[in-house]
């Protein structure tokens, strides 16, 4: 019997920890500069890394019945929790009626609907050479910032902005990942995290909203040219930090390893 590869289970558990931790400290980011900086560091890599890992495992999209399978896995829970959130907000804010809008995802439910669309988009992008596919995905991710109407509706903005990371994960091979975990890379992997913390500390005016990928450049109160340059810079920084994160993920089995298998439920 083939032994399970614990590397990705460990990676997913650590990432889901950062997802939960990031949400926990969000209430304090306006009260403490260190917490605010830490929050931006976490958001620079944790969702991009999660998306890259999701793309790495999206190998069976061409199999018969695959769309039906992922629809049951992603869209069904999305609709259920969208309804639960609508009821929750009705009581929380004492609203006059329950507003059920399946086309505008609540809170972190955007990931489910975007993940569904990313799998669908693979049918077209997988036919392209990696360099062409990634270039096109990057151009789209940068281009959507020009359009104000592409926002939270069906999570379109995040879908396009984060798709390059999903596609990059799809193109990665096990050999690429194994190369990242070699000692030389592990040693220097901590440097980008320290550098990003210093960077965000030095430029505190950089809004965390940039890291959500959900707004246009004008909504982020900048010009289109500068906005595109900022997003491109964040693409580069996020990619470096994602690979640095993967370089330091342990490969052995730990007490939390088994929990990493079912992070979608968290």
Protein backbone atom coordinates (compact mmCIF):
# COMPACT_ATOMS: atom_id res chain seq x y z
CA UNK A 1 0.00 0.00 0.00
CA UNK A 2 1.37 3.39 -1.03
CA UNK A 3 2.12 5.68 1.91
CA UNK A 4 0.18 8.94 1.95
CA UNK A 5 2.14 12.09 1.20
CA UNK A 6 1.89 14.09 4.44
CA UNK A 7 3.38 17.24 2.95
CA UNK A 8 0.16 18.67 1.54
CA UNK A 9 -1.90 17.60 4.55
CA UNK A 10 0.51 19.58 6.73
CA UNK A 11 0.42 22.53 4.33
CA UNK A 12 -3.39 22.63 4.28
CA UNK A 13 -3.67 22.43 8.05
CA UNK A 14 -1.16 25.25 8.59
CA UNK A 15 -2.91 27.37 5.97
CA UNK A 16 -6.38 26.82 7.43
CA UNK A 17 -4.92 27.80 10.81
CA UNK A 18 -3.78 31.08 9.28
CA UNK A 19 -7.22 31.55 7.69
CA UNK A 20 -8.93 31.22 11.06
CA UNK A 21 -6.23 33.23 12.85
CA UNK A 22 -6.46 35.99 10.26
CA UNK A 23 -10.21 36.29 10.82
CA UNK A 24 -9.70 36.33 14.60
CA UNK A 25 -7.26 39.24 14.61
CA UNK A 26 -9.22 41.27 12.06
CA UNK A 27 -11.13 43.02 14.85
CA UNK A 28 -7.87 44.41 16.25
CA UNK A 29 -6.09 45.65 13.13
CA UNK A 30 -7.20 49.26 13.66
CA UNK A 31 -6.05 49.28 17.28
CA UNK A 32 -2.50 47.95 16.99
CA UNK A 33 0.02 48.61 14.22
CA UNK A 34 1.91 45.35 14.79
CA UNK A 35 -1.30 43.32 14.54
CA UNK A 36 -2.24 45.25 11.39
CA UNK A 37 1.13 44.52 9.81
CA UNK A 38 0.92 40.86 10.78
CA UNK A 39 -2.58 40.71 9.29
CA UNK A 40 -1.32 42.00 5.94
CA UNK A 41 1.61 39.57 5.94
CA UNK A 42 -0.76 36.66 6.53
CA UNK A 43 -3.16 37.77 3.81
CA UNK A 44 -0.32 38.21 1.34
CA UNK A 45 0.33 34.47 1.26
CA UNK A 46 -2.27 32.32 3.03
CA UNK A 47 -5.14 32.43 0.52
CA UNK A 48 -2.82 32.48 -2.53
CA UNK A 49 -1.08 29.41 -1.10
CA UNK A 50 -4.38 27.68 -0.43
CA UNK A 51 -5.49 28.45 -3.99
CA UNK A 52 -2.21 27.19 -5.44
CA UNK A 53 -2.55 23.90 -3.53
CA UNK A 54 -6.15 23.60 -4.77
CA UNK A 55 -4.91 24.03 -8.34
CA UNK A 56 -2.24 21.38 -7.80
CA UNK A 57 -4.94 18.81 -7.01
CA UNK A 58 -7.26 19.82 -9.86
CA UNK A 59 -5.95 17.04 -12.10
CA UNK A 60 -9.16 15.14 -12.77
CA UNK A 61 -11.24 17.95 -14.30
CA UNK A 62 -11.43 16.10 -17.64
CA UNK A 63 -12.97 12.96 -16.12
CA UNK A 64 -16.58 12.07 -16.86
CA UNK A 65 -19.00 13.51 -14.32
CA UNK A 66 -16.37 15.83 -12.85
CA UNK A 67 -18.50 18.98 -13.11
CA UNK A 68 -21.39 17.30 -11.35
CA UNK A 69 -19.03 16.07 -8.65
CA UNK A 70 -17.49 19.46 -7.85
CA UNK A 71 -20.91 21.14 -8.09
CA UNK A 72 -22.15 18.87 -5.30
CA UNK A 73 -18.95 19.46 -3.34
CA UNK A 74 -18.82 23.25 -3.75
CA UNK A 75 -22.07 24.80 -4.99
CA UNK A 76 -24.42 22.82 -2.73
CA UNK A 77 -22.60 23.80 0.51
CA UNK A 78 -22.31 27.34 -0.84
CA UNK A 79 -26.09 27.64 -1.25
CA UNK A 80 -26.74 26.08 2.15
CA UNK A 81 -24.38 28.38 4.03
CA UNK A 82 -25.48 31.38 1.99
CA UNK A 83 -28.99 30.77 3.34
CA UNK A 84 -27.68 30.29 6.89
CA UNK A 85 -25.76 33.58 6.70
CA UNK A 86 -28.85 35.40 5.39
CA UNK A 87 -30.88 34.19 8.36
CA UNK A 88 -28.02 34.99 10.76
CA UNK A 89 -27.73 38.57 9.48
CA UNK A 90 -31.52 38.99 9.68
CA UNK A 91 -31.44 38.37 13.44
CA UNK A 92 -28.06 40.03 14.04
CA UNK A 93 -28.98 43.37 12.44
CA UNK A 94 -32.74 43.23 13.13
CA UNK A 95 -33.54 43.60 9.46
CA UNK A 96 -37.14 43.86 8.27
CA UNK A 97 -36.87 40.83 5.99
CA UNK A 98 -34.51 38.00 5.13
CA UNK A 99 -32.50 38.98 2.07
CA UNK A 100 -31.49 35.87 0.16
CA UNK A 101 -29.11 36.64 -2.69
CA UNK A 102 -27.20 33.59 -3.97
CA UNK A 103 -25.31 35.73 -6.48
CA UNK A 104 -23.46 37.83 -3.86
CA UNK A 105 -21.51 35.50 -1.55
CA UNK A 106 -21.37 36.32 2.14
CA UNK A 107 -18.03 36.64 3.92
CA UNK A 108 -15.58 33.82 3.06
CA UNK A 109 -18.08 31.85 0.96
CA UNK A 110 -16.53 33.51 -2.09
CA UNK A 111 -13.86 30.80 -2.04
CA UNK A 112 -16.39 28.03 -2.78
CA UNK A 113 -17.91 29.71 -5.80
CA UNK A 114 -14.54 30.91 -7.11
CA UNK A 115 -13.08 27.43 -6.72
CA UNK A 116 -15.93 26.08 -8.84
CA UNK A 117 -15.26 28.64 -11.57
CA UNK A 118 -11.50 27.96 -11.49
CA UNK A 119 -12.16 24.30 -12.26
CA UNK A 120 -14.42 25.30 -15.14
CA UNK A 121 -11.80 27.69 -16.52
CA UNK A 122 -9.26 24.86 -16.68
CA UNK A 123 -11.14 23.37 -19.63
CA UNK A 124 -9.91 26.27 -21.72
CA UNK A 125 -6.61 27.20 -20.11
CA UNK A 126 -5.31 23.62 -19.89
CA UNK A 127 -5.16 23.58 -23.70
CA UNK A 128 -2.61 26.38 -23.68
CA UNK A 129 1.10 26.15 -23.07
CA UNK A 130 1.94 27.05 -19.46
CA UNK A 131 3.70 30.31 -20.36
CA UNK A 132 0.79 31.41 -22.56
CA UNK A 133 -1.87 30.34 -20.06
CA UNK A 134 -0.21 32.06 -17.12
CA UNK A 135 0.42 35.24 -19.13
CA UNK A 136 -3.22 35.38 -20.20
CA UNK A 137 -4.47 34.67 -16.67
CA UNK A 138 -2.18 37.38 -15.29
CA UNK A 139 -3.36 39.87 -17.92
CA UNK A 140 -6.99 39.16 -17.00
CA UNK A 141 -6.22 39.45 -13.28
CA UNK A 142 -4.65 42.86 -13.86
CA UNK A 143 -7.29 43.95 -16.35
CA UNK A 144 -10.36 43.35 -14.17
CA UNK A 145 -9.20 46.14 -11.89
CA UNK A 146 -10.22 48.61 -14.61
CA UNK A 147 -13.90 47.67 -14.38
CA UNK A 148 -15.97 48.88 -11.44
CA UNK A 149 -18.87 46.54 -12.22
CA UNK A 150 -16.69 43.44 -11.68
CA UNK A 151 -16.86 43.14 -7.91
CA UNK A 152 -18.43 40.78 -5.40
CA UNK A 153 -21.15 39.66 -7.80
CA UNK A 154 -20.62 35.90 -8.22
CA UNK A 155 -17.19 36.59 -6.71
CA UNK A 156 -16.03 37.55 -10.21
CA UNK A 157 -13.28 39.93 -9.13
CA UNK A 158 -11.63 37.43 -6.79
CA UNK A 159 -12.13 34.65 -9.32
CA UNK A 160 -10.14 36.50 -11.98
CA UNK A 161 -7.59 38.08 -9.62
CA UNK A 162 -6.62 34.80 -7.92
CA UNK A 163 -6.91 32.51 -10.94
CA UNK A 164 -3.22 32.91 -11.93
CA UNK A 165 -2.25 31.30 -8.61
CA UNK A 166 -4.69 28.42 -9.16
CA UNK A 167 -3.35 27.89 -12.67
CA UNK A 168 0.24 28.03 -11.41
CA UNK A 169 -0.61 25.28 -8.93
CA UNK A 170 -2.17 23.24 -11.74
CA UNK A 171 1.06 23.47 -13.76
CA UNK A 172 3.30 22.51 -10.83
CA UNK A 173 4.65 18.98 -10.66
CA UNK A 174 5.65 16.86 -7.67
CA UNK A 175 9.26 17.33 -8.74
CA UNK A 176 8.85 21.12 -8.54
CA UNK A 177 7.47 20.84 -5.00
CA UNK A 178 10.18 18.38 -3.92
CA UNK A 179 12.82 20.78 -5.18
CA UNK A 180 11.38 23.55 -3.00
CA UNK A 181 11.79 21.47 0.15
CA UNK A 182 15.53 20.97 -0.29
CA UNK A 183 17.73 22.41 2.50
CA UNK A 184 19.04 25.44 0.55
CA UNK A 185 15.50 26.70 -0.05
CA UNK A 186 14.37 25.96 3.51
CA UNK A 187 17.22 28.05 4.89
CA UNK A 188 16.37 31.20 2.93
CA UNK A 189 12.58 30.74 2.97
CA UNK A 190 12.11 32.82 6.12
CA UNK A 191 13.66 35.91 4.50
CA UNK A 192 10.58 36.92 2.40
CA UNK A 193 8.35 36.78 5.50
CA UNK A 194 10.68 39.05 7.47
CA UNK A 195 11.09 41.34 4.46
CA UNK A 196 7.33 41.64 3.92
CA UNK A 197 6.80 42.47 7.61
CA UNK A 198 9.42 45.22 7.35
CA UNK A 199 7.87 46.42 4.08
CA UNK A 200 4.35 46.72 5.48
CA UNK A 201 5.71 48.34 8.65
CA UNK A 202 7.54 50.91 6.54
CA UNK A 203 4.49 51.65 4.39
CA UNK A 204 1.48 51.36 6.76
CA UNK A 205 -0.77 53.30 4.38
CA UNK A 206 -0.99 50.32 2.02
CA UNK A 207 -4.56 49.15 2.57
CA UNK A 208 -5.26 45.53 3.38
CA UNK A 209 -8.12 45.78 0.88
CA UNK A 210 -5.57 45.27 -1.89
CA UNK A 211 -4.99 41.74 -0.63
CA UNK A 212 -8.66 40.72 -0.96
CA UNK A 213 -8.73 41.03 -4.75
CA UNK A 214 -12.37 42.10 -4.59
CA UNK A 215 -12.26 45.74 -5.64
CA UNK A 216 -11.46 47.77 -8.73
CA UNK A 217 -8.57 50.20 -8.82
CA UNK A 218 -10.89 53.21 -8.57
CA UNK A 219 -12.65 51.67 -5.55
CA UNK A 220 -9.21 51.40 -3.94
CA UNK A 221 -8.79 55.13 -4.55
CA UNK A 222 -5.91 55.06 -6.99
CA UNK A 223 -5.35 55.62 -10.68
CA UNK A 224 -5.64 52.70 -13.06
CA UNK A 225 -1.93 52.72 -13.97
CA UNK A 226 -0.70 52.87 -10.39
CA UNK A 227 -3.33 50.34 -9.34
CA UNK A 228 -2.16 47.86 -11.97
CA UNK A 229 1.45 48.31 -10.85
CA UNK A 230 0.51 47.73 -7.20
CA UNK A 231 -1.44 44.57 -8.09
CA UNK A 232 1.46 43.31 -10.21
CA UNK A 233 3.85 43.93 -7.32
CA UNK A 234 1.55 42.03 -4.97
CA UNK A 235 1.41 39.15 -7.45
CA UNK A 236 5.19 38.93 -7.34
CA UNK A 237 5.37 39.26 -3.55
CA UNK A 238 2.59 36.69 -2.99
CA UNK A 239 4.21 34.17 -5.33
CA UNK A 240 7.57 34.47 -3.58
CA UNK A 241 5.94 34.07 -0.18
CA UNK A 242 3.83 31.09 -1.30
CA UNK A 243 6.90 29.24 -2.52
CA UNK A 244 8.75 30.22 0.65
CA UNK A 245 5.89 28.85 2.71
CA UNK A 246 5.94 25.55 0.80
CA UNK A 247 9.70 25.34 1.35
CA UNK A 248 9.31 25.25 5.14
CA UNK A 249 6.26 22.97 5.38
CA UNK A 250 7.30 19.75 7.20
CA UNK A 251 7.06 16.45 5.31
CA UNK A 252 6.68 14.13 8.30
CA UNK A 253 3.46 13.08 10.02
CA UNK A 254 2.39 15.14 13.05
CA UNK A 255 -0.57 15.17 15.42
CA UNK A 256 -2.31 17.70 13.18
CA UNK A 257 -1.57 16.03 9.84
CA UNK A 258 -4.83 14.09 9.62
CA UNK A 259 -6.79 17.31 10.21
CA UNK A 260 -5.30 18.75 7.05
CA UNK A 261 -7.23 16.31 4.87
CA UNK A 262 -10.58 18.02 5.41
CA UNK A 263 -9.81 21.72 5.50
CA UNK A 264 -12.69 22.59 3.17
CA UNK A 265 -15.13 21.84 5.97
CA UNK A 266 -13.35 24.29 8.27
